[in-house]
Amino acid sequence: MDIALGFLTFGTLGFVAVFGYLSHRAMEEMRNQPGPKSALSRDGAAERRAKLQARESS
């Protein structure tokens, strides 16, 4: 019983560590890619307004 409890405990901790590492890598890749910014950020909203004004003036 003690062996199974240890296996489950360390298996769960290992799974959480690997999942956290993979999530961190995915977020870093997304952060480094060029692309449109979120509309919720200040500079993202300004970027969208500038694009709309450029479309309207042309």
N, C-alpha and C. Protein backbone atom coordinates (compact mmCIF):
# COMPACT_ATOMS: atom_id res chain seq x y z
N MET A 1 0.82 -1.20 0.00
CA MET A 1 0.00 0.00 0.00
C MET A 1 0.86 1.26 0.00
N ASP A 2 1.95 1.23 0.76
CA ASP A 2 2.83 2.39 0.82
C ASP A 2 3.50 2.66 -0.51
N ILE A 3 3.82 1.61 -1.24
CA ILE A 3 4.48 1.77 -2.53
C ILE A 3 3.52 2.44 -3.53
N ALA A 4 2.28 1.99 -3.52
CA ALA A 4 1.29 2.57 -4.44
C ALA A 4 1.04 4.04 -4.10
N LEU A 5 0.98 4.35 -2.82
CA LEU A 5 0.76 5.74 -2.42
C LEU A 5 1.93 6.63 -2.85
N GLY A 6 3.14 6.14 -2.70
CA GLY A 6 4.32 6.89 -3.14
C GLY A 6 4.34 7.08 -4.65
N PHE A 7 3.97 6.01 -5.35
CA PHE A 7 3.93 6.09 -6.82
C PHE A 7 2.91 7.13 -7.27
N LEU A 8 1.74 7.10 -6.70
CA LEU A 8 0.71 8.07 -7.08
C LEU A 8 1.11 9.50 -6.71
N THR A 9 1.73 9.66 -5.55
CA THR A 9 2.15 10.99 -5.12
C THR A 9 3.19 11.58 -6.06
N PHE A 10 4.26 10.82 -6.30
CA PHE A 10 5.31 11.34 -7.16
C PHE A 10 4.91 11.37 -8.63
N GLY A 11 4.03 10.48 -9.02
CA GLY A 11 3.50 10.53 -10.39
C GLY A 11 2.70 11.79 -10.62
N THR A 12 1.88 12.16 -9.64
CA THR A 12 1.09 13.38 -9.76
C THR A 12 1.98 14.61 -9.78
N LEU A 13 2.96 14.65 -8.89
CA LEU A 13 3.89 15.78 -8.87
C LEU A 13 4.67 15.88 -10.18
N GLY A 14 5.09 14.75 -10.71
CA GLY A 14 5.80 14.75 -11.99
C GLY A 14 4.92 15.24 -13.12
N PHE A 15 3.67 14.80 -13.14
CA PHE A 15 2.74 15.25 -14.17
C PHE A 15 2.53 16.75 -14.11
N VAL A 16 2.35 17.29 -12.92
CA VAL A 16 2.14 18.73 -12.77
C VAL A 16 3.38 19.50 -13.21
N ALA A 17 4.57 18.99 -12.88
CA ALA A 17 5.80 19.67 -13.28
C ALA A 17 5.96 19.68 -14.80
N VAL A 18 5.70 18.55 -15.45
CA VAL A 18 5.83 18.47 -16.91
C VAL A 18 4.78 19.34 -17.58
N PHE A 19 3.56 19.32 -17.08
CA PHE A 19 2.49 20.15 -17.65
C PHE A 19 2.83 21.63 -17.51
N GLY A 20 3.34 22.04 -16.37
CA GLY A 20 3.73 23.43 -16.17
C GLY A 20 4.86 23.85 -17.10
N TYR A 21 5.83 22.97 -17.29
CA TYR A 21 6.95 23.27 -18.19
C TYR A 21 6.47 23.43 -19.62
N LEU A 22 5.63 22.52 -20.09
CA LEU A 22 5.12 22.60 -21.46
C LEU A 22 4.25 23.83 -21.66
N SER A 23 3.46 24.18 -20.66
CA SER A 23 2.64 25.38 -20.75
C SER A 23 3.51 26.63 -20.82
N HIS A 24 4.57 26.66 -20.05
CA HIS A 24 5.48 27.80 -20.05
C HIS A 24 6.16 27.94 -21.42
N ARG A 25 6.60 26.82 -21.99
CA ARG A 25 7.23 26.87 -23.32
C ARG A 25 6.26 27.37 -24.37
N ALA A 26 5.02 26.92 -24.33
CA ALA A 26 4.02 27.34 -25.32
C ALA A 26 3.74 28.84 -25.20
N MET A 27 3.67 29.34 -23.97
CA MET A 27 3.41 30.77 -23.79
C MET A 27 4.58 31.62 -24.27
N GLU A 28 5.81 31.15 -24.04
CA GLU A 28 6.98 31.88 -24.53
C GLU A 28 7.00 31.93 -26.05
N GLU A 29 6.64 30.84 -26.71
CA GLU A 29 6.59 30.83 -28.17
C GLU A 29 5.53 31.79 -28.69
N MET A 30 4.38 31.81 -28.05
CA MET A 30 3.32 32.73 -28.47
C MET A 30 3.73 34.17 -28.24
N ARG A 31 4.44 34.44 -27.15
CA ARG A 31 4.85 35.80 -26.83
C ARG A 31 5.88 36.31 -27.83
N ASN A 32 6.73 35.42 -28.36
CA ASN A 32 7.80 35.84 -29.26
C ASN A 32 7.34 35.95 -30.71
N GLN A 33 6.17 35.46 -31.04
CA GLN A 33 5.68 35.53 -32.41
C GLN A 33 5.11 36.91 -32.69
N PRO A 34 5.42 37.46 -33.85
CA PRO A 34 4.79 38.73 -34.21
C PRO A 34 3.33 38.48 -34.58
N GLY A 35 2.50 39.40 -34.24
CA GLY A 35 1.09 39.24 -34.55
C GLY A 35 0.29 40.35 -33.91
N PRO A 36 -1.00 40.36 -34.15
CA PRO A 36 -1.82 41.40 -33.56
C PRO A 36 -1.86 41.29 -32.04
N LYS A 37 -1.87 42.42 -31.40
CA LYS A 37 -1.92 42.43 -29.95
C LYS A 37 -3.37 42.32 -29.49
N SER A 38 -3.54 42.06 -28.24
CA SER A 38 -4.87 41.92 -27.67
C SER A 38 -5.59 43.27 -27.70
N ALA A 39 -6.87 43.24 -27.98
CA ALA A 39 -7.65 44.47 -27.98
C ALA A 39 -7.84 45.01 -26.56
N LEU A 40 -7.55 44.19 -25.56
CA LEU A 40 -7.70 44.62 -24.18
C LEU A 40 -6.49 45.41 -23.69
N SER A 41 -5.36 45.31 -24.37
CA SER A 41 -4.18 46.06 -23.94
C SER A 41 -4.23 47.48 -24.50
N ARG A 42 -3.54 48.39 -23.84
CA ARG A 42 -3.57 49.79 -24.29
C ARG A 42 -2.95 49.95 -25.67
N ASP A 43 -1.78 49.38 -25.88
CA ASP A 43 -1.14 49.53 -27.17
C ASP A 43 -1.86 48.72 -28.25
N GLY A 44 -2.55 47.66 -27.88
CA GLY A 44 -3.31 46.90 -28.85
C GLY A 44 -4.51 47.68 -29.35
N ALA A 45 -5.18 48.39 -28.47
CA ALA A 45 -6.31 49.23 -28.87
C ALA A 45 -5.84 50.36 -29.77
N ALA A 46 -4.71 50.97 -29.42
CA ALA A 46 -4.16 52.05 -30.25
C ALA A 46 -3.77 51.52 -31.63
N GLU A 47 -3.23 50.31 -31.68
CA GLU A 47 -2.85 49.70 -32.95
C GLU A 47 -4.07 49.49 -33.83
N ARG A 48 -5.17 49.01 -33.24
CA ARG A 48 -6.38 48.78 -34.02
C ARG A 48 -6.99 50.10 -34.51
N ARG A 49 -6.98 51.13 -33.67
CA ARG A 49 -7.50 52.43 -34.10
C ARG A 49 -6.69 53.00 -35.25
N ALA A 50 -5.37 52.85 -35.19
CA ALA A 50 -4.51 53.35 -36.26
C ALA A 50 -4.80 52.63 -37.58
N LYS A 51 -5.04 51.32 -37.52
CA LYS A 51 -5.36 50.57 -38.74
C LYS A 51 -6.70 51.02 -39.31
N LEU A 52 -7.68 51.25 -38.44
CA LEU A 52 -8.99 51.70 -38.94
C LEU A 52 -8.91 53.07 -39.56
N GLN A 53 -8.15 53.97 -38.96
CA GLN A 53 -8.00 55.31 -39.52
C GLN A 53 -7.25 55.27 -40.85
N ALA A 54 -6.28 54.38 -40.98
CA ALA A 54 -5.55 54.25 -42.24
C ALA A 54 -6.46 53.72 -43.34
N ARG A 55 -7.35 52.80 -43.01
CA ARG A 55 -8.30 52.27 -43.98
C ARG A 55 -9.29 53.36 -44.42
N GLU A 56 -9.77 54.14 -43.47
CA GLU A 56 -10.76 55.16 -43.78
C GLU A 56 -10.18 56.28 -44.62
N SER A 57 -8.92 56.61 -44.40
CA SER A 57 -8.31 57.72 -45.14
C SER A 57 -7.89 57.31 -46.54
N SER A 58 -7.76 56.02 -46.81
CA SER A 58 -7.34 55.60 -48.16
C SER A 58 -8.50 55.31 -49.06
